[in-house]
Amino acid sequence: MSLFAFASCQETGYDFYSAIAGTVYDSSTGEPLENASVVLNPTNMTLQTEADGSFIFDSLDAGQYTLSVQKEGYRVDRKTVTAISGETVTTDILLRKI
């Protein structure tokens, strides 16, 4: 009796996307900032932070992105982040009051 096993050589078609997540805080108090505007460049995708100051951009291609964060009464802050294929990169952003 012979036993044969065949392995497929077909590609699986998996796409590995990246995500960038983070939290925006007040630099003086350490409190999370709700409704801060977070813009992801070069995509120009924009999100508002949640009540806990969090945000997440998902389904991104791996590469370098710039986050621009602003909220009324605070100085704009920018941060460069490198998204890695198949991973979620996390970052904290501290905004300073004007």
C-alpha atoms as a PDB file:
ATOM      1  CA  MET A   1       0.000   0.000   0.000  1.00  0.00           C
ATOM      2  CA  SER A   2       1.395   3.387  -1.028  1.00  0.00           C
ATOM      3  CA  LEU A   3       0.555   6.690   0.578  1.00  0.00           C
ATOM      4  CA  PHE A   4       1.045   9.931  -1.314  1.00  0.00           C
ATOM      5  CA  ALA A   5       0.737  13.429   0.026  1.00  0.00           C
ATOM      6  CA  PHE A   6       0.572  16.383  -2.273  1.00  0.00           C
ATOM      7  CA  ALA A   7       1.381  19.881  -1.141  1.00  0.00           C
ATOM      8  CA  SER A   8      -0.147  22.746  -3.005  1.00  0.00           C
ATOM      9  CA  CYS A   9       2.196  25.301  -4.507  1.00  0.00           C
ATOM     10  CA  GLN A  10      -0.520  27.867  -4.919  1.00  0.00           C
ATOM     11  CA  GLU A  11      -0.142  31.215  -3.249  1.00  0.00           C
ATOM     12  CA  THR A  12      -2.449  31.740  -0.313  1.00  0.00           C
ATOM     13  CA  GLY A  13      -3.317  35.291  -1.315  1.00  0.00           C
ATOM     14  CA  TYR A  14      -2.856  36.641   2.185  1.00  0.00           C
ATOM     15  CA  ASP A  15      -2.441  40.384   2.446  1.00  0.00           C
ATOM     16  CA  PHE A  16      -0.686  41.618   5.534  1.00  0.00           C
ATOM     17  CA  TYR A  17      -1.829  45.079   6.430  1.00  0.00           C
ATOM     18  CA  SER A  18      -0.569  47.378   9.125  1.00  0.00           C
ATOM     19  CA  ALA A  19      -2.320  49.495  11.734  1.00  0.00           C
ATOM     20  CA  ILE A  20      -1.337  52.600  13.659  1.00  0.00           C
ATOM     21  CA  ALA A  21      -3.020  53.063  17.016  1.00  0.00           C
ATOM     22  CA  GLY A  22      -2.470  55.501  19.809  1.00  0.00           C
ATOM     23  CA  THR A  23      -3.758  57.770  22.511  1.00  0.00           C
ATOM     24  CA  VAL A  24      -3.716  61.562  22.709  1.00  0.00           C
ATOM     25  CA  TYR A  25      -3.050  63.114  26.122  1.00  0.00           C
ATOM     26  CA  ASP A  26      -2.863  66.577  27.672  1.00  0.00           C
ATOM     27  CA  SER A  27       0.862  67.059  28.341  1.00  0.00           C
ATOM     28  CA  SER A  28       0.265  68.904  31.629  1.00  0.00           C
ATOM     29  CA  THR A  29      -2.359  66.738  33.270  1.00  0.00           C
ATOM     30  CA  GLY A  30      -1.843  63.380  31.555  1.00  0.00           C
ATOM     31  CA  GLU A  31      -5.592  63.211  30.922  1.00  0.00           C
ATOM     32  CA  PRO A  32      -6.725  61.627  27.641  1.00  0.00           C
ATOM     33  CA  LEU A  33      -8.157  64.090  25.116  1.00  0.00           C
ATOM     34  CA  GLU A  34     -11.494  63.275  23.498  1.00  0.00           C
ATOM     35  CA  ASN A  35     -12.411  64.642  20.052  1.00  0.00           C
ATOM     36  CA  ALA A  36      -8.882  65.552  19.012  1.00  0.00           C
ATOM     37  CA  SER A  37      -8.507  65.454  15.233  1.00  0.00           C
ATOM     38  CA  VAL A  38      -5.876  62.974  13.986  1.00  0.00           C
ATOM     39  CA  VAL A  39      -4.875  63.221  10.309  1.00  0.00           C
ATOM     40  CA  LEU A  40      -2.805  60.456   8.710  1.00  0.00           C
ATOM     41  CA  ASN A  41      -0.606  61.629   5.838  1.00  0.00           C
ATOM     42  CA  PRO A  42      -0.056  60.904   3.002  1.00  0.00           C
ATOM     43  CA  THR A  43      -3.531  59.274   2.993  1.00  0.00           C
ATOM     44  CA  ASN A  44      -5.378  62.304   4.459  1.00  0.00           C
ATOM     45  CA  MET A  45      -7.563  59.937   6.491  1.00  0.00           C
ATOM     46  CA  THR A  46      -8.943  61.754   9.533  1.00  0.00           C
ATOM     47  CA  LEU A  47     -10.302  60.388  12.815  1.00  0.00           C
ATOM     48  CA  GLN A  48     -11.578  61.909  16.041  1.00  0.00           C
ATOM     49  CA  THR A  49     -10.236  60.435  19.270  1.00  0.00           C
ATOM     50  CA  GLU A  50     -12.603  58.443  21.483  1.00  0.00           C
ATOM     51  CA  ALA A  51     -13.554  59.382  25.064  1.00  0.00           C
ATOM     52  CA  ASP A  52     -10.381  57.636  26.282  1.00  0.00           C
ATOM     53  CA  GLY A  53      -8.222  59.602  23.790  1.00  0.00           C
ATOM     54  CA  SER A  54      -7.644  56.546  21.581  1.00  0.00           C
ATOM     55  CA  PHE A  55      -7.576  56.231  17.796  1.00  0.00           C
ATOM     56  CA  ILE A  56      -6.685  53.537  15.269  1.00  0.00           C
ATOM     57  CA  PHE A  57      -5.994  53.591  11.544  1.00  0.00           C
ATOM     58  CA  ASP A  58      -6.123  50.080  10.124  1.00  0.00           C
ATOM     59  CA  SER A  59      -5.768  48.323   6.760  1.00  0.00           C
ATOM     60  CA  LEU A  60      -2.679  50.394   5.964  1.00  0.00           C
ATOM     61  CA  ASP A  61       0.178  49.494   3.667  1.00  0.00           C
ATOM     62  CA  ALA A  62       3.526  49.173   5.395  1.00  0.00           C
ATOM     63  CA  GLY A  63       5.551  52.375   5.242  1.00  0.00           C
ATOM     64  CA  GLN A  64       6.153  55.742   6.817  1.00  0.00           C
ATOM     65  CA  TYR A  65       3.259  57.995   7.849  1.00  0.00           C
ATOM     66  CA  THR A  66       2.922  61.342   9.583  1.00  0.00           C
ATOM     67  CA  LEU A  67       0.257  61.897  12.216  1.00  0.00           C
ATOM     68  CA  SER A  68      -0.937  65.499  12.631  1.00  0.00           C
ATOM     69  CA  VAL A  69      -2.944  65.979  15.797  1.00  0.00           C
ATOM     70  CA  GLN A  70      -4.905  69.054  16.782  1.00  0.00           C
ATOM     71  CA  LYS A  71      -7.526  70.124  19.258  1.00  0.00           C
ATOM     72  CA  GLU A  72      -8.917  73.560  20.004  1.00  0.00           C
ATOM     73  CA  GLY A  73      -6.895  75.253  22.731  1.00  0.00           C
ATOM     74  CA  TYR A  74      -3.801  73.106  22.041  1.00  0.00           C
ATOM     75  CA  ARG A  75      -0.736  73.362  19.821  1.00  0.00           C
ATOM     76  CA  VAL A  76      -0.680  71.116  16.746  1.00  0.00           C
ATOM     77  CA  ASP A  77       1.706  68.178  17.101  1.00  0.00           C
ATOM     78  CA  ARG A  78       3.156  65.971  14.370  1.00  0.00           C
ATOM     79  CA  LYS A  79       4.740  62.577  14.714  1.00  0.00           C
ATOM     80  CA  THR A  80       6.289  60.264  12.121  1.00  0.00           C
ATOM     81  CA  VAL A  81       5.467  56.574  12.501  1.00  0.00           C
ATOM     82  CA  THR A  82       6.606  53.566  10.475  1.00  0.00           C
ATOM     83  CA  ALA A  83       3.865  50.995   9.897  1.00  0.00           C
ATOM     84  CA  ILE A  84       5.132  47.408   9.785  1.00  0.00           C
ATOM     85  CA  SER A  85       3.415  44.726   7.724  1.00  0.00           C
ATOM     86  CA  GLY A  86       1.158  42.505   9.849  1.00  0.00           C
ATOM     87  CA  GLU A  87       1.633  44.583  13.007  1.00  0.00           C
ATOM     88  CA  THR A  88      -0.127  47.303  14.960  1.00  0.00           C
ATOM     89  CA  VAL A  89       2.257  50.106  15.876  1.00  0.00           C
ATOM     90  CA  THR A  90       1.224  52.076  18.963  1.00  0.00           C
ATOM     91  CA  THR A  91       2.159  55.617  19.843  1.00  0.00           C
ATOM     92  CA  ASP A  92       1.200  58.230  22.428  1.00  0.00           C
ATOM     93  CA  ILE A  93       0.873  61.889  21.531  1.00  0.00           C
ATOM     94  CA  LEU A  94       1.086  64.700  24.069  1.00  0.00           C
ATOM     95  CA  LEU A  95      -0.600  67.991  23.222  1.00  0.00           C
ATOM     96  CA  ARG A  96       0.398  71.228  24.937  1.00  0.00           C
ATOM     97  CA  LYS A  97      -2.087  73.954  25.751  1.00  0.00           C
ATOM     98  CA  ILE A  98      -1.662  77.252  23.949  1.00  0.00           C
END
